Amino acid sequence: MGPEFDAPSGAFLAEDNMRGLALASAFVLAGLTGIAASQPAASPAPTQNPRSCFYVNEFDNWKSPDENTIFIRTNINRYYRLDMANTCPALLWPNAHLIMNVRGPNTICTAVDWDLKVSQGFHDIPTPCIVKKMTPLTQDEAAAIPKKFKP
């Protein structure tokens, strides 16, 4: 089984290594396929309720009852509760206002879509507030918000 042409001996070594690598890869792939086939099928990701999304320009007002929560209002009668990942004392400042950075589409559907900072004014360094959870409120839940915290 000699070669039909003269080649450096390293060429055959590389060819043998490539065959070995291809063979080993085939065994690993077959093993992984077997493992994946034995696992139960993953449940499909829950679909996003279109009612829970809103356009950024529909954001109307907000109020915060504490340093962990923001209630927001969109389109006159849609309310959401935002739960913070950490405390955000700046939410309770007397002249606090929200700064929203929007990247990508102009819709907000989940906590990941929020990039919030809170500031008191032009000379203040804005404080980041990370949203952990965004929950659309039902009419009954919105009606239960105390009047002084209802946006």
N, C-alpha and C. Protein backbone atom coordinates (compact mmCIF):
# COMPACT_ATOMS: atom_id res chain seq x y z
N MET A 1 0.82 -1.17 0.00
CA MET A 1 0.00 0.00 0.00
C MET A 1 0.87 1.25 0.00
N GLY A 2 1.74 1.33 -0.90
CA GLY A 2 2.63 2.47 -0.98
C GLY A 2 1.98 3.59 -1.75
N PRO A 3 2.45 4.78 -1.52
CA PRO A 3 1.90 5.92 -2.24
C PRO A 3 2.36 5.92 -3.68
N GLU A 4 1.60 6.54 -4.53
CA GLU A 4 1.96 6.62 -5.92
C GLU A 4 2.89 7.80 -6.18
N PHE A 5 3.10 8.65 -5.17
CA PHE A 5 4.00 9.78 -5.33
C PHE A 5 4.82 9.91 -4.07
N ASP A 6 5.91 10.61 -4.16
CA ASP A 6 6.77 10.82 -3.01
C ASP A 6 6.23 12.00 -2.21
N ALA A 7 6.01 11.79 -0.93
CA ALA A 7 5.53 12.85 -0.05
C ALA A 7 6.29 12.75 1.26
N PRO A 8 6.46 13.85 1.95
CA PRO A 8 7.13 13.79 3.24
C PRO A 8 6.36 12.89 4.20
N SER A 9 7.03 12.22 5.09
CA SER A 9 6.39 11.27 5.99
C SER A 9 5.38 11.95 6.90
N GLY A 10 5.53 13.23 7.19
CA GLY A 10 4.58 13.97 8.02
C GLY A 10 3.20 14.03 7.40
N ALA A 11 3.12 13.97 6.06
CA ALA A 11 1.82 14.04 5.39
C ALA A 11 0.98 12.83 5.74
N PHE A 12 1.59 11.66 5.82
CA PHE A 12 0.85 10.45 6.17
C PHE A 12 0.45 10.46 7.63
N LEU A 13 1.33 11.00 8.48
CA LEU A 13 1.01 11.10 9.90
C LEU A 13 -0.20 12.00 10.10
N ALA A 14 -0.24 13.12 9.41
CA ALA A 14 -1.39 14.02 9.51
C ALA A 14 -2.65 13.35 9.00
N GLU A 15 -2.52 12.58 7.90
CA GLU A 15 -3.68 11.89 7.36
C GLU A 15 -4.19 10.84 8.33
N ASP A 16 -3.29 10.10 8.99
CA ASP A 16 -3.70 9.10 9.97
C ASP A 16 -4.37 9.77 11.17
N ASN A 17 -3.82 10.92 11.60
CA ASN A 17 -4.42 11.64 12.72
C ASN A 17 -5.80 12.16 12.37
N MET A 18 -5.97 12.62 11.13
CA MET A 18 -7.27 13.12 10.70
C MET A 18 -8.30 11.99 10.69
N ARG A 19 -7.88 10.80 10.22
CA ARG A 19 -8.81 9.66 10.24
C ARG A 19 -9.20 9.31 11.67
N GLY A 20 -8.23 9.31 12.57
CA GLY A 20 -8.49 9.00 13.97
C GLY A 20 -9.41 10.04 14.60
N LEU A 21 -9.16 11.30 14.28
CA LEU A 21 -9.99 12.38 14.80
C LEU A 21 -11.42 12.26 14.27
N ALA A 22 -11.57 11.97 13.00
CA ALA A 22 -12.89 11.81 12.41
C ALA A 22 -13.63 10.63 13.04
N LEU A 23 -12.92 9.54 13.28
CA LEU A 23 -13.52 8.36 13.89
C LEU A 23 -13.94 8.67 15.33
N ALA A 24 -13.07 9.32 16.09
CA ALA A 24 -13.40 9.67 17.47
C ALA A 24 -14.58 10.64 17.51
N SER A 25 -14.61 11.58 16.59
CA SER A 25 -15.72 12.54 16.54
C SER A 25 -17.03 11.83 16.26
N ALA A 26 -17.00 10.85 15.39
CA ALA A 26 -18.21 10.10 15.06
C ALA A 26 -18.74 9.36 16.28
N PHE A 27 -17.81 8.75 17.07
CA PHE A 27 -18.24 8.04 18.27
C PHE A 27 -18.82 9.01 19.31
N VAL A 28 -18.20 10.15 19.48
CA VAL A 28 -18.70 11.14 20.44
C VAL A 28 -20.07 11.65 20.01
N LEU A 29 -20.23 11.95 18.72
CA LEU A 29 -21.50 12.43 18.21
C LEU A 29 -22.59 11.38 18.39
N ALA A 30 -22.26 10.13 18.12
CA ALA A 30 -23.24 9.05 18.30
C ALA A 30 -23.63 8.93 19.77
N GLY A 31 -22.66 9.08 20.67
CA GLY A 31 -22.95 9.00 22.10
C GLY A 31 -23.83 10.14 22.55
N LEU A 32 -23.53 11.34 22.08
CA LEU A 32 -24.34 12.50 22.45
C LEU A 32 -25.76 12.40 21.90
N THR A 33 -25.87 11.86 20.70
CA THR A 33 -27.20 11.68 20.11
C THR A 33 -28.01 10.70 20.93
N GLY A 34 -27.36 9.63 21.40
CA GLY A 34 -28.04 8.66 22.25
C GLY A 34 -28.48 9.26 23.56
N ILE A 35 -27.63 10.08 24.16
CA ILE A 35 -27.99 10.73 25.42
C ILE A 35 -29.15 11.69 25.21
N ALA A 36 -29.07 12.49 24.15
CA ALA A 36 -30.15 13.44 23.86
C ALA A 36 -31.46 12.73 23.59
N ALA A 37 -31.40 11.59 22.91
CA ALA A 37 -32.62 10.85 22.59
C ALA A 37 -33.25 10.26 23.84
N SER A 38 -32.42 9.94 24.86
CA SER A 38 -32.97 9.33 26.07
C SER A 38 -33.56 10.36 27.02
N GLN A 39 -33.30 11.65 26.82
CA GLN A 39 -33.83 12.71 27.67
C GLN A 39 -35.26 13.03 27.26
N PRO A 40 -36.10 13.39 28.23
CA PRO A 40 -37.46 13.78 27.86
C PRO A 40 -37.43 15.07 27.05
N ALA A 41 -38.39 15.20 26.18
CA ALA A 41 -38.46 16.39 25.32
C ALA A 41 -38.70 17.62 26.19
N ALA A 42 -37.99 18.68 25.90
CA ALA A 42 -38.16 19.92 26.65
C ALA A 42 -39.50 20.54 26.29
N SER A 43 -40.15 21.10 27.30
CA SER A 43 -41.43 21.74 27.01
C SER A 43 -41.16 23.03 26.24
N PRO A 44 -42.03 23.38 25.34
CA PRO A 44 -41.80 24.60 24.55
C PRO A 44 -41.82 25.83 25.45
N ALA A 45 -41.06 26.82 25.05
CA ALA A 45 -41.02 28.07 25.82
C ALA A 45 -42.40 28.71 25.81
N PRO A 46 -42.80 29.27 26.94
CA PRO A 46 -44.12 29.90 26.95
C PRO A 46 -44.14 31.09 25.99
N THR A 47 -45.24 31.22 25.30
CA THR A 47 -45.35 32.34 24.36
C THR A 47 -45.69 33.61 25.13
N GLN A 48 -45.19 34.71 24.63
CA GLN A 48 -45.42 36.01 25.28
C GLN A 48 -46.83 36.49 24.95
N ASN A 49 -47.56 36.82 25.98
CA ASN A 49 -48.90 37.35 25.79
C ASN A 49 -48.77 38.74 25.18
N PRO A 50 -49.31 38.98 23.97
CA PRO A 50 -49.18 40.29 23.36
C PRO A 50 -49.78 41.40 24.21
N ARG A 51 -50.71 41.07 25.07
CA ARG A 51 -51.33 42.07 25.96
C ARG A 51 -50.32 42.59 26.99
N SER A 52 -49.26 41.82 27.26
CA SER A 52 -48.31 42.25 28.27
C SER A 52 -47.25 43.19 27.69
N CYS A 53 -47.27 43.42 26.39
CA CYS A 53 -46.32 44.33 25.75
C CYS A 53 -46.95 45.71 25.56
N PHE A 54 -46.10 46.72 25.50
CA PHE A 54 -46.57 48.04 25.14
C PHE A 54 -45.44 48.79 24.43
N TYR A 55 -45.81 49.79 23.66
CA TYR A 55 -44.83 50.63 22.99
C TYR A 55 -44.29 51.65 23.98
N VAL A 56 -43.02 51.98 23.83
CA VAL A 56 -42.38 52.93 24.73
C VAL A 56 -43.13 54.26 24.77
N ASN A 57 -43.63 54.70 23.63
CA ASN A 57 -44.34 56.00 23.61
C ASN A 57 -45.70 55.93 24.31
N GLU A 58 -46.15 54.75 24.71
CA GLU A 58 -47.40 54.61 25.46
C GLU A 58 -47.19 54.74 26.98
N PHE A 59 -45.94 54.73 27.40
CA PHE A 59 -45.63 54.88 28.83
C PHE A 59 -46.16 56.23 29.29
N ASP A 60 -46.98 56.22 30.33
CA ASP A 60 -47.66 57.45 30.72
C ASP A 60 -47.16 58.00 32.05
N ASN A 61 -47.17 57.18 33.10
CA ASN A 61 -46.81 57.68 34.42
C ASN A 61 -46.33 56.54 35.30
N TRP A 62 -45.71 56.88 36.43
CA TRP A 62 -45.22 55.87 37.36
C TRP A 62 -45.26 56.41 38.78
N LYS A 63 -45.33 55.49 39.75
CA LYS A 63 -45.20 55.81 41.16
C LYS A 63 -44.58 54.60 41.85
N SER A 64 -43.87 54.91 42.93
CA SER A 64 -43.19 53.84 43.65
C SER A 64 -43.60 53.85 45.13
N PRO A 65 -44.19 52.75 45.60
CA PRO A 65 -44.59 52.70 47.01
C PRO A 65 -43.41 52.40 47.94
N ASP A 66 -42.35 51.81 47.39
CA ASP A 66 -41.17 51.48 48.18
C ASP A 66 -39.96 51.39 47.25
N GLU A 67 -38.81 51.05 47.79
CA GLU A 67 -37.58 51.02 46.98
C GLU A 67 -37.40 49.73 46.19
N ASN A 68 -38.40 48.86 46.19
CA ASN A 68 -38.34 47.60 45.44
C ASN A 68 -39.40 47.47 44.36
N THR A 69 -40.30 48.44 44.25
CA THR A 69 -41.47 48.30 43.38
C THR A 69 -41.77 49.60 42.65
N ILE A 70 -42.18 49.45 41.39
CA ILE A 70 -42.69 50.59 40.62
C ILE A 70 -44.01 50.15 39.99
N PHE A 71 -45.03 50.99 40.10
CA PHE A 71 -46.26 50.79 39.35
C PHE A 71 -46.21 51.76 38.17
N ILE A 72 -46.52 51.25 36.99
CA ILE A 72 -46.55 52.12 35.82
C ILE A 72 -47.92 52.05 35.15
N ARG A 73 -48.24 53.12 34.43
CA ARG A 73 -49.49 53.16 33.67
C ARG A 73 -49.15 53.45 32.22
N THR A 74 -49.84 52.75 31.35
CA THR A 74 -49.73 52.99 29.90
C THR A 74 -51.14 53.12 29.35
N ASN A 75 -51.30 53.87 28.29
CA ASN A 75 -52.60 53.98 27.61
C ASN A 75 -53.79 54.20 28.53
N ILE A 76 -53.68 55.06 29.45
CA ILE A 76 -54.77 55.47 30.35
C ILE A 76 -55.16 54.39 31.35
N ASN A 77 -55.38 53.15 30.91
CA ASN A 77 -55.92 52.17 31.85
C ASN A 77 -55.18 50.83 31.90
N ARG A 78 -53.97 50.76 31.41
CA ARG A 78 -53.18 49.53 31.56
C ARG A 78 -52.10 49.77 32.60
N TYR A 79 -52.00 48.87 33.55
CA TYR A 79 -51.06 49.01 34.66
C TYR A 79 -50.12 47.81 34.72
N TYR A 80 -48.90 48.08 35.17
CA TYR A 80 -47.89 47.05 35.34
C TYR A 80 -47.20 47.25 36.67
N ARG A 81 -46.72 46.16 37.23
CA ARG A 81 -45.89 46.20 38.43
C ARG A 81 -44.49 45.78 38.04
N LEU A 82 -43.50 46.59 38.38
CA LEU A 82 -42.10 46.26 38.15
C LEU A 82 -41.46 45.96 39.50
N ASP A 83 -40.89 44.78 39.63
CA ASP A 83 -40.17 44.41 40.84
C ASP A 83 -38.68 44.53 40.56
N MET A 84 -37.97 45.21 41.45
CA MET A 84 -36.54 45.44 41.27
C MET A 84 -35.72 44.24 41.72
N ALA A 85 -34.58 44.04 41.08
CA ALA A 85 -33.67 42.96 41.45
C ALA A 85 -32.94 43.29 42.75
N ASN A 86 -32.76 44.56 43.03
CA ASN A 86 -32.12 45.03 44.25
C ASN A 86 -32.86 46.28 44.71
N THR A 87 -32.54 46.73 45.90
CA THR A 87 -33.22 47.94 46.35
C THR A 87 -32.76 49.13 45.52
N CYS A 88 -33.67 50.04 45.31
CA CYS A 88 -33.38 51.24 44.52
C CYS A 88 -33.94 52.43 45.29
N PRO A 89 -33.21 52.89 46.32
CA PRO A 89 -33.71 53.97 47.17
C PRO A 89 -34.02 55.25 46.40
N ALA A 90 -33.37 55.45 45.27
CA ALA A 90 -33.60 56.67 44.48
C ALA A 90 -35.06 56.79 44.03
N LEU A 91 -35.79 55.67 43.99
CA LEU A 91 -37.20 55.72 43.60
C LEU A 91 -38.02 56.58 44.56
N LEU A 92 -37.56 56.72 45.79
CA LEU A 92 -38.32 57.44 46.82
C LEU A 92 -37.90 58.90 46.96
N TRP A 93 -36.94 59.37 46.17
CA TRP A 93 -36.52 60.76 46.24
C TRP A 93 -37.68 61.67 45.84
N PRO A 94 -37.77 62.85 46.43
CA PRO A 94 -38.90 63.75 46.15
C PRO A 94 -39.04 64.15 44.68
N ASN A 95 -37.94 64.46 44.02
CA ASN A 95 -38.03 64.90 42.62
C ASN A 95 -37.54 63.83 41.65
N ALA A 96 -37.67 62.58 42.03
CA ALA A 96 -37.16 61.49 41.20
C ALA A 96 -37.88 61.42 39.86
N HIS A 97 -37.10 61.15 38.81
CA HIS A 97 -37.70 60.87 37.51
C HIS A 97 -36.94 59.72 36.87
N LEU A 98 -37.65 58.95 36.06
CA LEU A 98 -37.06 57.78 35.41
C LEU A 98 -36.38 58.17 34.11
N ILE A 99 -35.25 57.51 33.86
CA ILE A 99 -34.56 57.63 32.58
C ILE A 99 -34.58 56.24 31.96
N MET A 100 -35.18 56.15 30.78
CA MET A 100 -35.27 54.86 30.09
C MET A 100 -34.38 54.89 28.85
N ASN A 101 -33.48 53.92 28.78
CA ASN A 101 -32.68 53.75 27.56
C ASN A 101 -33.33 52.64 26.75
N VAL A 102 -33.66 52.95 25.52
CA VAL A 102 -34.32 51.97 24.65
C VAL A 102 -33.34 51.55 23.57
N ARG A 103 -33.13 50.25 23.48
CA ARG A 103 -32.26 49.69 22.45
C ARG A 103 -33.07 48.66 21.67
N GLY A 104 -32.96 48.69 20.38
CA GLY A 104 -33.70 47.72 19.58
C GLY A 104 -35.13 48.16 19.36
N PRO A 105 -36.06 47.18 19.36
CA PRO A 105 -37.46 47.52 19.07
C PRO A 105 -38.02 48.44 20.15
N ASN A 106 -39.03 49.17 19.80
CA ASN A 106 -39.59 50.13 20.75
C ASN A 106 -40.75 49.55 21.56
N THR A 107 -40.73 48.24 21.78
CA THR A 107 -41.74 47.60 22.63
C THR A 107 -41.08 47.09 23.90
N ILE A 108 -41.87 47.08 24.96
CA ILE A 108 -41.42 46.54 26.23
C ILE A 108 -42.39 45.41 26.58
N CYS A 109 -41.82 44.21 26.75
CA CYS A 109 -42.64 43.03 27.01
C CYS A 109 -42.23 42.29 28.27
N THR A 110 -40.95 42.36 28.64
CA THR A 110 -40.45 41.62 29.80
C THR A 110 -39.48 42.49 30.59
N ALA A 111 -39.05 41.99 31.72
CA ALA A 111 -38.10 42.71 32.57
C ALA A 111 -36.80 43.01 31.84
N VAL A 112 -36.40 42.14 30.95
CA VAL A 112 -35.14 42.31 30.21
C VAL A 112 -35.16 43.56 29.33
N ASP A 113 -36.34 43.98 28.92
CA ASP A 113 -36.46 45.14 28.03
C ASP A 113 -36.24 46.47 28.74
N TRP A 114 -36.20 46.45 30.06
CA TRP A 114 -36.06 47.69 30.83
C TRP A 114 -34.59 47.99 31.08
N ASP A 115 -34.19 49.22 30.83
CA ASP A 115 -32.88 49.75 31.20
C ASP A 115 -33.16 51.07 31.90
N LEU A 116 -33.39 51.00 33.20
CA LEU A 116 -33.86 52.16 33.97
C LEU A 116 -32.76 52.78 34.82
N LYS A 117 -32.85 54.07 34.93
CA LYS A 117 -32.04 54.83 35.89
C LYS A 117 -32.97 55.87 36.51
N VAL A 118 -32.66 56.25 37.74
CA VAL A 118 -33.46 57.25 38.44
C VAL A 118 -32.56 58.44 38.75
N SER A 119 -33.09 59.63 38.54
CA SER A 119 -32.34 60.85 38.79
C SER A 119 -33.23 61.90 39.44
N GLN A 120 -32.59 62.86 40.13
CA GLN A 120 -33.33 63.98 40.71
C GLN A 120 -33.26 65.23 39.85
N GLY A 121 -32.33 65.26 38.94
CA GLY A 121 -32.22 66.46 38.12
C GLY A 121 -30.97 66.43 37.26
N PHE A 122 -30.68 67.58 36.65
CA PHE A 122 -29.58 67.68 35.70
C PHE A 122 -28.20 67.47 36.32
N HIS A 123 -28.03 67.85 37.57
CA HIS A 123 -26.71 67.77 38.19
C HIS A 123 -26.52 66.49 38.98
N ASP A 124 -27.46 65.61 38.93
CA ASP A 124 -27.42 64.37 39.69
C ASP A 124 -26.86 63.24 38.83
N ILE A 125 -26.12 62.33 39.45
CA ILE A 125 -25.66 61.13 38.75
C ILE A 125 -26.79 60.11 38.83
N PRO A 126 -27.33 59.66 37.69
CA PRO A 126 -28.44 58.71 37.70
C PRO A 126 -28.07 57.38 38.38
N THR A 127 -29.01 56.85 39.12
CA THR A 127 -28.83 55.58 39.81
C THR A 127 -29.50 54.47 39.01
N PRO A 128 -28.74 53.41 38.61
CA PRO A 128 -29.37 52.30 37.87
C PRO A 128 -30.32 51.51 38.78
N CYS A 129 -31.43 51.11 38.24
CA CYS A 129 -32.39 50.24 38.92
C CYS A 129 -32.70 49.08 37.98
N ILE A 130 -32.37 47.88 38.41
CA ILE A 130 -32.52 46.70 37.56
C ILE A 130 -33.88 46.06 37.82
N VAL A 131 -34.65 45.89 36.75
CA VAL A 131 -35.97 45.28 36.85
C VAL A 131 -35.83 43.76 36.79
N LYS A 132 -36.35 43.10 37.82
CA LYS A 132 -36.30 41.64 37.91
C LYS A 132 -37.54 41.00 37.28
N LYS A 133 -38.69 41.66 37.47
CA LYS A 133 -39.95 41.06 37.01
C LYS A 133 -40.91 42.16 36.59
N MET A 134 -41.60 41.92 35.49
CA MET A 134 -42.63 42.84 34.99
C MET A 134 -43.94 42.07 34.93
N THR A 135 -44.94 42.57 35.65
CA THR A 135 -46.22 41.88 35.73
C THR A 135 -47.35 42.80 35.28
N PRO A 136 -48.08 42.41 34.20
CA PRO A 136 -49.27 43.17 33.84
C PRO A 136 -50.34 42.95 34.92
N LEU A 137 -51.00 44.00 35.33
CA LEU A 137 -52.02 43.89 36.37
C LEU A 137 -53.41 43.78 35.76
N THR A 138 -54.24 43.00 36.40
CA THR A 138 -55.64 42.92 35.98
C THR A 138 -56.33 44.20 36.43
N GLN A 139 -57.56 44.40 35.99
CA GLN A 139 -58.32 45.59 36.40
C GLN A 139 -58.53 45.61 37.92
N ASP A 140 -58.79 44.43 38.49
CA ASP A 140 -58.99 44.35 39.94
C ASP A 140 -57.70 44.65 40.69
N GLU A 141 -56.58 44.13 40.21
CA GLU A 141 -55.29 44.40 40.86
C GLU A 141 -54.94 45.89 40.77
N ALA A 142 -55.20 46.49 39.61
CA ALA A 142 -54.92 47.91 39.45
C ALA A 142 -55.82 48.75 40.36
N ALA A 143 -57.07 48.34 40.51
CA ALA A 143 -57.99 49.07 41.38
C ALA A 143 -57.58 48.95 42.85
N ALA A 144 -56.86 47.90 43.20
CA ALA A 144 -56.43 47.69 44.58
C ALA A 144 -55.18 48.48 44.96
N ILE A 145 -54.52 49.12 43.99
CA ILE A 145 -53.34 49.94 44.30
C ILE A 145 -53.82 51.15 45.12
N PRO A 146 -53.20 51.40 46.27
CA PRO A 146 -53.61 52.58 47.07
C PRO A 146 -53.52 53.86 46.24
N LYS A 147 -54.46 54.75 46.44
CA LYS A 147 -54.57 55.95 45.61
C LYS A 147 -53.27 56.75 45.53
N LYS A 148 -52.54 56.87 46.64
CA LYS A 148 -51.32 57.69 46.61
C LYS A 148 -50.17 57.02 45.84
N PHE A 149 -50.32 55.72 45.51
CA PHE A 149 -49.30 55.02 44.74
C PHE A 149 -49.77 54.64 43.33
N LYS A 150 -50.98 55.06 42.99
CA LYS A 150 -51.51 54.73 41.68
C LYS A 150 -51.04 55.78 40.68
N PRO A 151 -50.35 55.34 39.62
CA PRO A 151 -49.84 56.31 38.63
C PRO A 151 -50.96 56.92 37.80
